[in-house]
Protein backbone atom coordinates (compact mmCIF):
# COMPACT_ATOMS: atom_id res chain seq x y z
CA MET A 1 74.03 63.49 107.38
CA ARG A 2 75.39 62.61 110.81
CA ARG A 3 73.50 60.26 113.12
CA ARG A 4 70.93 61.85 115.43
CA THR A 5 72.14 63.45 118.63
CA PRO A 6 70.13 65.42 121.23
CA ILE A 7 69.73 69.01 120.14
CA ALA A 8 68.97 72.24 121.94
CA GLY A 9 66.76 74.99 120.60
CA PHE A 10 68.20 76.93 117.73
CA ALA A 11 68.24 80.60 116.83
CA LEU A 12 65.94 81.66 114.03
CA ALA A 13 66.75 84.69 111.92
CA LEU A 14 64.82 85.67 108.85
CA ILE A 15 65.59 87.56 105.69
CA ALA A 16 63.07 88.84 103.22
CA GLY A 17 61.87 85.92 101.13
CA THR A 18 61.33 85.76 97.42
CA THR A 19 58.16 84.40 95.92
CA ALA A 20 57.71 84.12 92.21
CA THR A 21 56.19 81.86 89.61
CA LEU A 22 58.44 79.66 87.56
CA SER A 23 58.56 77.26 84.64
CA ALA A 24 58.88 73.54 85.28
CA THR A 25 62.03 71.63 84.37
CA THR A 26 61.34 68.15 83.09
CA ALA A 27 62.65 65.61 85.62
CA SER A 28 64.31 62.33 84.76
CA ALA A 29 62.26 59.19 85.36
CA ALA A 30 62.83 57.40 88.69
CA PRO A 31 60.99 54.73 90.68
CA ALA A 32 59.86 56.97 93.54
CA ALA A 33 58.51 59.85 91.46
CA ALA A 34 54.75 60.40 91.67
CA PRO A 35 53.04 61.72 88.54
CA VAL A 36 52.45 65.45 88.62
CA THR A 37 49.16 66.43 87.06
CA ALA A 38 49.24 70.20 87.54
CA ALA A 39 51.16 72.21 84.96
CA ALA A 40 53.91 74.40 86.39
CA PRO A 41 53.40 78.16 86.06
CA THR A 42 55.61 80.20 83.77
CA LEU A 43 58.54 82.25 85.03
CA VAL A 44 59.39 85.35 83.03
CA ALA A 45 63.15 85.15 83.64
CA ALA A 46 63.72 81.43 84.18
CA ALA A 47 66.78 80.03 85.88
CA PRO A 48 68.87 77.68 83.72
CA ASP A 49 68.15 73.97 83.62
CA VAL A 50 70.89 72.10 85.48
CA SER A 51 71.71 68.87 83.67
CA VAL A 52 71.03 65.89 85.93
CA THR A 53 73.32 63.89 83.63
CA ASN A 54 76.19 66.21 84.54
CA VAL A 55 75.34 65.91 88.24
CA GLN A 56 75.37 62.13 87.93
CA ALA A 57 78.75 62.31 86.18
CA HIS A 58 80.16 64.04 89.29
CA LEU A 59 78.62 61.27 91.42
CA THR A 60 80.35 58.67 89.27
CA GLN A 61 83.67 60.41 89.85
CA LEU A 62 83.11 60.50 93.62
CA ASN A 63 82.16 56.82 93.59
CA THR A 64 85.35 56.01 91.65
CA ILE A 65 87.41 58.03 94.14
CA ALA A 66 85.96 55.99 96.99
CA THR A 67 86.57 52.70 95.15
CA ASN A 68 90.21 53.65 94.62
CA ASN A 69 90.65 54.60 98.28
CA GLY A 70 89.37 51.71 100.34
CA GLY A 71 85.68 52.20 99.58
CA THR A 72 85.25 55.42 101.56
CA ARG A 73 85.55 59.19 101.42
CA ARG A 74 85.60 59.64 105.20
CA ALA A 75 87.02 62.92 106.54
CA GLY A 76 90.79 62.71 106.87
CA SER A 77 91.09 59.84 104.42
CA THR A 78 92.80 59.82 101.04
CA GLY A 79 89.33 59.46 99.55
CA TYR A 80 88.26 62.74 101.13
CA THR A 81 91.44 64.52 100.00
CA ALA A 82 90.89 63.29 96.44
CA SER A 83 87.26 64.47 96.59
CA VAL A 84 88.42 67.96 97.59
CA SER A 85 90.94 67.97 94.73
CA TYR A 86 88.30 66.93 92.21
CA VAL A 87 85.83 69.64 93.22
CA LYS A 88 88.58 72.27 93.57
CA SER A 89 89.99 71.64 90.10
CA LYS A 90 86.56 72.07 88.49
CA LEU A 91 85.92 75.32 90.34
CA GLN A 92 89.33 76.84 89.64
CA ALA A 93 89.00 76.07 85.95
CA ALA A 94 85.62 77.85 85.96
CA GLY A 95 87.07 81.05 87.45
CA TYR A 96 86.08 80.80 91.11
CA THR A 97 88.06 82.24 93.98
CA VAL A 98 88.78 78.99 95.83
CA THR A 99 90.11 78.63 99.37
CA GLU A 100 90.94 75.51 101.37
CA GLN A 101 90.42 76.08 105.09
CA THR A 102 92.14 73.61 107.38
CA CYS A 103 89.83 72.52 110.20
CA THR A 104 92.28 72.34 113.10
CA THR A 105 89.59 71.21 115.57
CA CYS A 106 88.19 68.38 113.43
CA THR A 107 88.58 64.79 114.62
CA TYR A 108 90.12 63.92 111.26
CA PRO A 109 92.35 66.63 109.75
CA GLY A 110 90.93 67.85 106.48
CA ASN A 111 89.99 70.99 104.64
CA ASN A 112 86.76 72.83 104.08
CA LEU A 113 86.56 74.02 100.48
CA ILE A 114 85.14 77.52 99.97
CA ALA A 115 84.45 78.91 96.49
CA GLU A 116 83.14 82.39 95.76
CA TRP A 117 81.94 83.71 92.45
CA PRO A 118 83.79 87.07 92.17
CA GLN A 119 80.77 89.18 91.23
CA GLY A 120 78.24 91.08 93.34
CA PRO A 121 78.58 93.09 96.58
CA THR A 122 80.92 91.48 99.10
CA ASP A 123 78.70 92.49 102.04
CA GLN A 124 75.62 90.78 100.58
CA VAL A 125 76.36 87.03 100.51
CA VAL A 126 74.08 84.08 99.80
CA MET A 127 75.78 80.83 100.76
CA PHE A 128 75.12 77.27 99.56
CA GLY A 129 76.76 74.32 101.35
CA ALA A 130 77.00 70.54 101.46
CA HIS A 131 79.25 68.14 103.34
CA LEU A 132 81.77 66.35 101.15
CA ASP A 133 82.72 63.54 103.55
CA SER A 134 81.17 60.10 103.85
CA VAL A 135 81.08 57.66 106.74
CA SER A 136 83.78 54.99 106.96
CA ALA A 137 81.39 52.25 105.88
CA GLY A 138 80.86 53.37 102.31
CA PRO A 139 81.37 55.84 99.45
CA GLY A 140 78.54 58.15 100.55
CA ILE A 141 77.00 58.85 97.15
CA ASN A 142 73.56 59.86 98.39
CA ASP A 143 75.00 60.95 101.76
CA ASN A 144 76.33 63.31 100.65
CA GLY A 145 77.68 63.08 97.13
CA SER A 146 74.21 64.09 95.99
CA GLY A 147 74.31 67.48 97.71
CA SER A 148 77.98 68.04 96.84
CA ALA A 149 77.50 67.20 93.14
CA SER A 150 74.34 69.31 92.86
CA LEU A 151 76.19 72.34 94.20
CA LEU A 152 79.25 71.71 92.03
CA GLU A 153 77.20 71.58 88.83
CA ASN A 154 75.24 74.68 89.89
CA ALA A 155 78.51 76.51 90.48
CA LEU A 156 79.74 75.55 87.01
CA VAL A 157 76.45 76.63 85.40
CA LEU A 158 76.59 80.00 87.18
CA ALA A 159 80.13 80.54 85.90
CA SER A 160 79.22 79.60 82.33
CA GLN A 161 76.16 81.90 82.35
CA ASN A 162 78.08 84.75 84.08
CA PRO A 163 74.95 86.83 84.75
CA THR A 164 74.75 90.20 86.45
CA MET A 165 74.82 89.61 90.20
CA THR A 166 72.87 91.51 92.85
CA LYS A 167 74.46 89.46 95.65
CA ARG A 168 77.67 87.52 96.12
CA VAL A 169 77.27 83.73 95.83
CA ARG A 170 79.51 81.54 97.98
CA PHE A 171 79.64 77.74 97.85
CA ALA A 172 81.09 75.47 100.55
CA TRP A 173 81.95 71.78 100.84
CA TRP A 174 82.42 70.74 104.46
CA ASN A 175 84.87 68.42 106.20
CA GLY A 176 83.89 66.36 109.27
CA GLU A 177 80.10 66.61 109.12
CA GLU A 178 79.75 62.96 110.04
CA GLN A 179 81.74 63.54 113.25
CA GLY A 180 79.37 66.27 114.46
CA LEU A 181 79.23 69.14 111.94
CA GLN A 182 82.86 69.89 112.77
CA GLY A 183 83.96 71.60 109.55
CA SER A 184 81.02 73.99 109.35
CA LYS A 185 81.29 74.81 113.05
CA PHE A 186 84.96 75.65 112.56
CA TYR A 187 84.17 77.89 109.59
CA VAL A 188 81.38 79.78 111.36
CA ASN A 189 83.53 80.24 114.47
CA SER A 190 86.32 81.68 112.29
CA LEU A 191 84.05 84.52 111.09
CA SER A 192 83.93 87.91 112.75
CA ALA A 193 80.55 89.37 113.72
CA THR A 194 80.77 91.61 110.65
CA GLN A 195 81.49 88.67 108.34
CA LYS A 196 78.56 86.72 109.78
CA GLY A 197 76.35 89.73 109.15
CA TYR A 198 77.31 89.71 105.47
CA ILE A 199 75.74 86.24 105.04
CA LYS A 200 72.08 86.93 104.29
CA GLY A 201 71.13 83.26 104.00
CA TYR A 202 72.75 79.83 104.22
CA TYR A 203 71.23 76.93 102.23
CA ASN A 204 72.21 73.34 103.05
CA PHE A 205 71.85 70.28 100.80
CA ASP A 206 72.32 66.90 102.49
CA MET A 207 70.93 63.68 100.93
CA VAL A 208 68.91 65.15 98.06
CA ALA A 209 68.44 61.97 96.00
CA SER A 210 67.26 59.26 98.42
CA PRO A 211 65.98 56.25 96.42
CA ASN A 212 62.65 56.05 98.30
CA GLY A 213 62.87 59.73 99.11
CA GLY A 214 60.51 62.57 99.78
CA TYR A 215 60.58 66.33 99.35
CA PHE A 216 61.68 68.01 102.57
CA ILE A 217 62.73 71.62 103.22
CA ASN A 218 64.49 72.94 106.31
CA ARG A 219 62.28 75.56 108.02
CA VAL A 220 59.79 75.19 105.17
CA THR A 221 57.53 78.07 106.28
CA SER A 222 60.34 80.61 106.74
CA THR A 223 60.90 83.45 104.31
CA THR A 224 64.42 82.08 103.79
CA ALA A 225 62.93 78.89 102.37
CA ALA A 226 60.60 80.75 99.98
CA PRO A 227 62.53 80.26 96.71
CA LEU A 228 63.21 76.57 97.43
CA LYS A 229 59.55 75.96 98.25
CA ALA A 230 58.33 77.98 95.26
CA TYR A 231 60.22 75.73 92.88
CA TRP A 232 58.89 72.47 94.32
CA ASP A 233 55.42 73.97 94.69
CA SER A 234 55.41 74.55 90.93
CA PHE A 235 55.30 70.75 90.52
CA GLY A 236 52.51 70.34 93.05
CA LEU A 237 54.84 68.38 95.33
CA GLN A 238 53.60 69.77 98.67
CA PRO A 239 57.02 69.64 100.41
CA GLU A 240 57.15 69.02 104.15
CA GLU A 241 59.32 70.18 107.04
CA ASN A 242 62.63 68.30 107.34
CA VAL A 243 61.90 67.07 110.86
CA GLU A 244 64.31 64.12 110.62
CA GLY A 245 67.22 66.40 109.75
CA GLN A 246 66.79 69.06 112.44
CA GLY A 247 70.12 69.72 114.13
CA ARG A 248 71.81 66.94 112.18
CA SER A 249 73.52 68.76 109.31
CA ASP A 250 75.65 71.81 108.65
CA ASP A 251 72.80 74.34 108.56
CA TYR A 252 72.67 73.93 112.35
CA SER A 253 76.12 75.56 112.70
CA PHE A 254 74.78 78.64 110.91
CA GLN A 255 71.46 78.64 112.80
CA ASN A 256 73.38 78.74 116.08
CA ALA A 257 75.16 81.88 114.83
CA GLY A 258 71.85 83.62 114.04
CA ILE A 259 72.23 83.28 110.26
CA PRO A 260 68.99 82.53 108.34
CA THR A 261 68.97 78.98 106.94
CA SER A 262 67.06 76.55 104.78
CA GLY A 263 67.82 73.70 102.39
CA TYR A 264 66.57 70.59 100.62
CA ALA A 265 66.64 66.97 101.83
CA ALA A 266 65.09 63.72 100.61
CA GLY A 267 65.20 61.73 103.84
CA ALA A 268 67.57 59.31 105.58
CA SER A 269 66.76 56.27 107.73
CA ALA A 270 63.27 57.37 108.82
CA THR A 271 60.23 55.58 107.38
CA LYS A 272 58.11 56.93 104.54
CA THR A 273 54.44 57.03 105.51
CA SER A 274 51.65 55.70 103.35
CA ALA A 275 50.37 59.25 102.93
CA GLN A 276 53.77 60.39 101.66
CA ALA A 277 53.93 57.42 99.28
CA SER A 278 50.52 58.40 97.89
CA LYS A 279 51.69 61.98 97.44
CA TRP A 280 55.23 61.41 96.13
CA GLY A 281 55.38 57.81 94.96
CA GLY A 282 57.69 55.14 96.34
CA THR A 283 57.05 52.59 99.08
CA GLY A 284 55.24 53.37 102.31
CA GLY A 285 56.52 51.65 105.43
CA ALA A 286 60.11 51.58 104.12
CA ALA A 287 63.10 53.83 104.82
CA TYR A 288 63.74 56.82 102.59
CA ASP A 289 67.27 55.44 102.14
CA SER A 290 67.79 51.82 103.16
CA CYS A 291 71.53 52.21 102.35
CA TYR A 292 72.00 55.12 104.75
CA HIS A 293 75.54 54.93 106.20
CA ARG A 294 76.15 51.59 104.50
CA SER A 295 78.49 50.28 101.82
CA CYS A 296 75.59 50.08 99.34
CA ASP A 297 75.33 53.89 99.20
CA THR A 298 76.73 53.92 95.66
CA THR A 299 75.62 55.44 92.35
CA SER A 300 72.88 52.78 92.30
CA ASN A 301 71.40 54.38 95.42
CA ILE A 302 70.15 57.53 93.66
CA ASN A 303 66.68 58.72 92.66
CA ALA A 304 67.33 60.71 89.48
CA THR A 305 64.00 62.56 89.57
CA ILE A 306 64.50 63.93 93.06
CA LEU A 307 68.15 64.69 92.26
CA ASN A 308 67.10 66.64 89.16
CA ARG A 309 64.43 68.63 90.98
CA SER A 310 66.84 69.39 93.82
CA ALA A 311 69.61 70.61 91.49
CA ASP A 312 67.18 72.75 89.49
CA GLY A 313 65.69 74.12 92.72
CA VAL A 314 69.17 75.27 93.76
CA ALA A 315 69.53 77.10 90.44
CA TYR A 316 66.13 78.72 90.88
CA ALA A 317 67.09 79.93 94.37
CA ILE A 318 70.40 81.34 93.10
CA TRP A 319 68.68 83.24 90.31
CA GLN A 320 65.90 84.53 92.57
CA LEU A 321 68.22 85.59 95.38
CA ALA A 322 71.37 86.80 93.65
CA VAL A 323 70.93 87.32 89.91
CA GLY A 324 69.63 90.63 88.58
CA GLY A 325 68.60 92.20 85.33
CA THR A 326 69.95 95.64 84.44
CA PRO A 327 72.27 96.48 87.33
CA THR A 328 72.01 99.65 89.36
CA ASN A 329 75.22 101.57 89.92
CA ASP A 330 76.51 100.68 93.37
CA PHE A 331 79.74 100.47 95.33
CA SER A 332 81.18 99.47 98.70
CA VAL A 333 83.51 101.22 101.15
CA ALA A 334 86.16 99.68 103.43
CA VAL A 335 88.83 101.06 105.77
CA SER A 336 92.15 99.26 106.37
CA PRO A 337 93.23 98.86 109.06
CA THR A 338 89.92 99.10 110.90
CA SER A 339 91.51 100.59 114.01
CA GLY A 340 94.45 102.76 114.96
CA SER A 341 96.06 104.81 117.72
CA VAL A 342 97.39 108.35 117.70
CA ALA A 343 99.19 110.33 120.40
CA ARG A 344 98.43 113.97 121.09
CA GLY A 345 100.42 116.08 118.65
CA ALA A 346 100.80 113.24 116.15
CA ALA A 347 98.95 111.74 113.19
CA THR A 348 98.17 108.31 111.79
CA THR A 349 96.86 107.09 108.45
CA ALA A 350 94.59 104.42 107.00
CA THR A 351 93.47 103.48 103.50
CA VAL A 352 89.87 103.95 102.38
CA SER A 353 89.08 101.59 99.50
CA THR A 354 86.04 101.59 97.25
CA THR A 355 84.80 98.84 94.93
CA THR A 356 82.23 99.00 92.13
CA THR A 357 79.80 96.22 93.11
CA SER A 358 77.29 96.62 90.27
CA GLY A 359 76.68 98.77 87.22
CA SER A 360 79.20 101.40 86.25
CA ALA A 361 81.88 103.21 88.23
CA GLN A 362 80.85 106.51 89.78
CA THR A 363 82.36 109.43 91.69
CA VAL A 364 82.36 108.85 95.45
CA SER A 365 82.89 111.74 97.87
CA LEU A 366 84.49 110.84 101.21
CA SER A 367 83.65 112.30 104.61
CA ALA A 368 84.00 111.35 108.27
CA THR A 369 81.96 111.85 111.43
CA GLY A 370 82.48 110.95 115.07
CA ALA A 371 85.96 112.43 115.60
CA PRO A 372 86.44 113.78 119.16
CA SER A 373 87.36 117.36 119.96
CA GLY A 374 90.90 118.16 118.85
CA VAL A 375 91.01 115.45 116.17
CA THR A 376 90.67 116.14 112.46
CA VAL A 377 90.13 113.66 109.64
CA SER A 378 91.11 114.41 106.05
CA PHE A 379 91.20 112.43 102.80
CA SER A 380 93.63 112.57 99.90
CA PRO A 381 92.00 112.74 97.44
CA SER A 382 88.66 113.81 98.91
CA SER A 383 86.72 111.99 96.18
CA VAL A 384 87.55 108.93 94.08
CA THR A 385 86.06 106.97 91.23
CA SER A 386 84.63 103.76 92.69
CA GLY A 387 87.31 101.13 92.45
CA GLY A 388 89.90 103.63 93.66
CA SER A 389 91.27 104.41 97.13
CA ALA A 390 92.28 107.38 99.25
CA THR A 391 94.55 107.95 102.23
CA MET A 392 92.73 108.96 105.41
CA THR A 393 94.87 111.04 107.78
CA VAL A 394 93.80 111.34 111.41
CA SER A 395 95.58 114.19 113.26
CA ALA A 396 95.39 114.87 116.99
CA SER A 397 96.17 118.27 118.47
CA SER A 398 98.11 118.67 121.70
CA THR A 399 94.81 119.20 123.53
CA ALA A 400 92.81 116.39 121.86
CA ILE A 401 90.43 114.42 124.08
CA THR A 402 91.90 111.04 124.96
CA GLY A 403 89.99 107.77 124.79
CA THR A 404 88.63 105.39 122.17
CA PHE A 405 86.16 106.65 119.58
CA THR A 406 84.32 105.29 116.55
CA ILE A 407 84.81 107.29 113.37
CA THR A 408 82.31 106.65 110.60
CA VAL A 409 83.73 107.01 107.09
CA THR A 410 81.02 107.64 104.48
CA GLY A 411 81.24 107.43 100.70
CA THR A 412 78.51 109.33 98.87
CA GLY A 413 77.62 108.81 95.23
CA SER A 414 74.26 107.80 93.78
CA VAL A 415 73.86 106.05 97.15
CA SER A 416 75.81 106.23 100.41
CA HIS A 417 77.79 103.50 102.15
CA SER A 418 79.81 103.64 105.36
CA ALA A 419 82.59 101.85 107.21
CA THR A 420 83.84 102.34 110.76
CA TYR A 421 87.31 103.02 112.15
CA SER A 422 88.11 102.67 115.85
CA LEU A 423 90.47 105.45 116.98
CA THR A 424 92.36 105.53 120.28
CA VAL A 425 93.82 108.89 121.31
CA THR A 426 96.61 108.71 123.91
CA GLY A 427 98.20 111.41 125.99
CA ALA A 428 101.79 110.36 125.38
CA GLY A 429 103.91 111.40 122.43
CA GLY A 430 107.48 110.83 121.28
CA CYS A 431 109.05 107.93 119.42
CA ALA A 432 110.52 104.89 121.15
CA GLY A 433 112.02 103.62 117.91
CA GLY A 434 114.34 100.82 116.93
CA GLN A 435 114.12 97.33 115.46
CA LEU A 436 111.00 95.73 116.92
CA ILE A 437 111.11 92.11 115.74
CA GLY A 438 112.61 89.64 118.21
CA ASN A 439 114.94 86.91 116.93
CA SER A 440 114.64 88.41 113.47
CA SER A 441 117.11 85.99 111.83
CA PHE A 442 115.81 82.89 113.70
CA GLU A 443 119.26 82.14 115.09
CA SER A 444 118.10 82.08 118.74
CA GLY A 445 115.61 79.22 118.68
CA THR A 446 111.89 79.85 118.25
CA THR A 447 111.13 82.51 120.90
CA PRO A 448 109.32 84.92 120.51
CA TRP A 449 107.98 83.36 117.30
CA THR A 450 105.03 80.99 117.20
CA ALA A 451 105.45 78.54 114.35
CA SER A 452 104.24 75.24 112.97
CA SER A 453 106.45 72.27 113.75
CA GLY A 454 109.68 72.29 111.75
CA VAL A 455 109.23 75.77 110.25
CA ILE A 456 112.18 77.38 112.05
CA THR A 457 115.03 75.15 110.95
CA ASN A 458 118.69 74.89 109.97
CA SER A 459 117.95 72.14 107.44
CA THR A 460 120.29 72.26 104.47
CA GLY A 461 117.41 71.59 102.07
CA GLN A 462 116.96 75.34 101.72
CA ALA A 463 119.74 77.79 102.52
CA ALA A 464 119.38 80.62 105.01
CA ARG A 465 120.11 84.12 103.75
CA THR A 466 122.31 84.84 106.76
CA GLY A 467 123.47 82.50 109.51
CA SER A 468 122.19 78.93 109.65
CA TYR A 469 118.53 79.26 110.52
CA LYS A 470 115.53 80.51 108.58
CA ALA A 471 111.75 79.95 108.48
CA TRP A 472 110.82 77.35 105.85
CA LEU A 473 107.08 77.15 105.21
CA ASP A 474 105.60 74.29 103.15
CA GLY A 475 107.70 72.37 100.60
CA TYR A 476 105.94 69.05 101.24
CA GLY A 477 104.29 68.48 97.85
CA SER A 478 101.01 67.57 99.56
CA THR A 479 98.09 69.44 101.10
CA HIS A 480 99.69 71.37 103.95
CA THR A 481 99.49 74.63 105.89
CA ASP A 482 102.33 76.23 107.88
CA THR A 483 102.18 79.39 109.98
CA LEU A 484 104.76 81.72 111.50
CA SER A 485 103.78 84.66 113.71
CA GLN A 486 105.00 87.14 116.30
CA SER A 487 103.16 89.73 118.38
CA VAL A 488 104.71 93.20 118.00
CA THR A 489 104.04 96.42 119.89
CA VAL A 490 104.46 99.36 117.49
CA PRO A 491 105.27 102.61 119.31
CA ALA A 492 103.45 105.83 118.53
CA GLY A 493 105.03 109.12 117.48
CA CYS A 494 107.68 107.90 115.03
CA ALA A 495 108.27 109.36 111.59
CA SER A 496 108.58 106.06 109.74
CA TYR A 497 107.68 102.41 110.22
CA THR A 498 109.13 99.90 107.77
CA LEU A 499 108.49 96.18 107.80
CA ALA A 500 111.03 94.23 105.75
CA PHE A 501 111.84 90.56 105.18
CA TRP A 502 113.77 88.50 102.68
CA LEU A 503 111.83 85.85 100.80
CA HIS A 504 112.97 82.97 98.61
CA ILE A 505 110.35 80.95 96.72
CA ASP A 506 111.27 77.59 95.23
CA THR A 507 108.68 75.47 93.39
CA ALA A 508 108.23 72.27 91.44
CA GLU A 509 105.05 73.63 89.80
CA THR A 510 105.44 74.11 86.06
CA THR A 511 102.51 76.42 85.39
CA THR A 512 103.05 80.04 84.43
CA SER A 513 99.46 81.12 85.01
CA THR A 514 97.80 79.18 87.84
CA VAL A 515 98.23 79.75 91.58
CA TYR A 516 98.39 76.44 93.42
CA ASP A 517 100.41 77.28 96.53
CA LYS A 518 100.59 80.63 98.28
CA LEU A 519 102.09 82.60 101.15
CA THR A 520 99.95 85.27 102.84
CA VAL A 521 101.54 88.03 104.90
CA GLN A 522 99.30 89.72 107.45
CA VAL A 523 99.55 92.42 110.08
CA GLY A 524 96.60 92.07 112.41
CA THR A 525 93.60 91.27 110.24
CA THR A 526 95.01 93.07 107.20
CA THR A 527 96.68 91.15 104.38
CA LEU A 528 99.78 93.04 103.24
CA ALA A 529 100.69 90.74 100.36
CA THR A 530 100.18 87.32 98.87
CA TYR A 531 102.91 85.42 97.03
CA SER A 532 102.59 82.13 95.15
CA ASN A 533 104.34 79.53 93.06
CA LEU A 534 104.15 82.09 90.24
CA ASN A 535 106.65 84.29 92.15
CA ALA A 536 109.35 81.62 92.33
CA ALA A 537 112.86 82.95 91.68
CA THR A 538 116.49 82.16 92.34
CA GLY A 539 117.79 83.57 95.61
CA TYR A 540 116.20 85.88 98.16
CA VAL A 541 114.23 89.04 97.36
CA GLN A 542 113.63 91.73 99.97
CA ARG A 543 110.02 92.81 100.49
CA THR A 544 109.23 96.07 102.31
CA PHE A 545 106.02 97.65 103.58
CA ASN A 546 105.03 100.91 105.25
CA VAL A 547 103.19 99.92 108.44
CA ALA A 548 102.71 103.41 109.91
CA ALA A 549 98.98 102.71 110.17
CA TYR A 550 99.71 100.40 113.13
CA ALA A 551 101.54 102.99 115.26
CA GLY A 552 100.44 102.76 118.88
CA GLN A 553 99.04 99.25 118.49
CA THR A 554 100.04 95.75 119.47
CA VAL A 555 99.52 93.60 116.38
CA THR A 556 100.44 90.13 115.16
CA LEU A 557 102.71 89.73 112.16
CA LYS A 558 101.76 86.43 110.53
CA PHE A 559 102.97 84.39 107.56
CA THR A 560 100.66 81.60 106.36
CA GLY A 561 101.80 79.13 103.71
CA THR A 562 99.26 76.84 102.05
CA GLU A 563 100.15 74.06 99.65
CA ASP A 564 97.85 71.93 97.52
CA ALA A 565 97.94 68.17 97.00
CA SER A 566 100.91 67.88 94.64
CA LEU A 567 104.19 69.51 93.49
CA GLN A 568 105.98 71.31 96.31
CA THR A 569 106.42 75.06 96.74
CA SER A 570 108.79 76.26 99.49
CA PHE A 571 108.42 79.74 101.00
CA VAL A 572 111.65 80.56 102.86
CA VAL A 573 111.71 83.69 105.04
CA ASP A 574 114.75 85.23 106.72
CA ASP A 575 115.93 88.48 108.35
CA VAL A 576 112.54 89.92 109.33
CA THR A 577 112.67 93.49 110.69
CA LEU A 578 110.24 96.23 111.67
CA GLN A 579 112.19 99.47 111.98
CA ALA A 580 110.59 102.49 113.69
CA SER A 581 112.52 105.73 113.50
């Protein structure tokens, strides 16, 4: 948890809460635990018990990482990088889709770590987060190894159980919280309005094992907090509002974006009252955590009972919010790209994709509404089995109404789902074709490319395909991200649009099955392809794509190379063209 700073009012948004009875999980003994006399009610479909021993094992690893790196896991330090690697390796081995997001606005460069369990509808997300960094003064085992380790073990338990999911579960470990919630702010600001809308609740866990701790819940009376409160209520704990933590941890970044939030905390430097000591045990008149932001915040600074109840409460919330019984048959619909332009007398295309999100695949019929006069929308095929895709063709007559319109694409099966496509109809036709990429072989400096430092180079470490220069992304053998991009105006009215580039991938990775480093190729917000260390080969290979869907638009062609902490992979790009004819 960062130190207190003045805070403004925050946005409150609520989602429907879940209340249920549940069975108690026996907590480990700890000095500050008050005896609980009331028996916990029984839950019909109980969440799994999360082993506090396993959570403590993660804390031991984080403490060792700090010891081996100057006694700290501060953002930007080698201790933080090693912490990210430890958590990432566990998640990848468990089957998570794991992404490292570089926080370019953080005081100390470092990555957020995002892990998503690949089950459940992608537009219904429940998110659980904790900051992974410590302060410079110490290893940060309660603040916030406790929250980080609780989430890591919950993620591993979810993967091992592999239940049917009614929602998508996403975990996050944040960089730069101690410098002002910087990593979570960066992440939230990187989301589109649609992506923010997909997140139905964000749950934050910061200092959940304070040695003289209490039982605090963020926005304790909100419907978002209901499953967290229900679990602690089952022990008769009477949790209180986390007043000390308001505006001081990463949930505040999500609150400011209008996303419903809650979370557990056990207290920081504030003083436990005598009434709280009577209710929860521990020492009244003393700080919840006397080692807050100090070098003594080690594995000895942990209350195992509170840690156990916090970790099990996370599991209960996951099962209440996102785990289902017998799944209903459901699917999602998406259009790519989400916008396009067509001239009178011409046509453009987009891809309509469907995904089975629960239950069994089903037949989905496709239709469109909202097209202006003179514009027709057709699908080939007109119906698909969920999981399949169709080509949407938008044709404008010579008398079509010009302007920008929203077309709603609807898939109808046992239920109906929709996606929108923004269409611009122009009055001009004809094809101003040709090769559209400037400085396509990188021989004329950097303009009009925008690139990370050193990407466009004539270094002899990797050969160009033609000439002397090429774009060399990554190849450092350490955590690194390189980008290369160019804005391109794609004319309307042409018969074909072909993007092509030559790619050479060289790697020191020895795996034949695991992706460690990758190159993502995007046009606009659409990912055309992703390559990795698994695609390494001798020499250059030409890659081609039909980009007719972007006719009439100005879009950004972007290459993003990301490399993990060890063993280099070089992505070398040369002779990039976009030919309209």
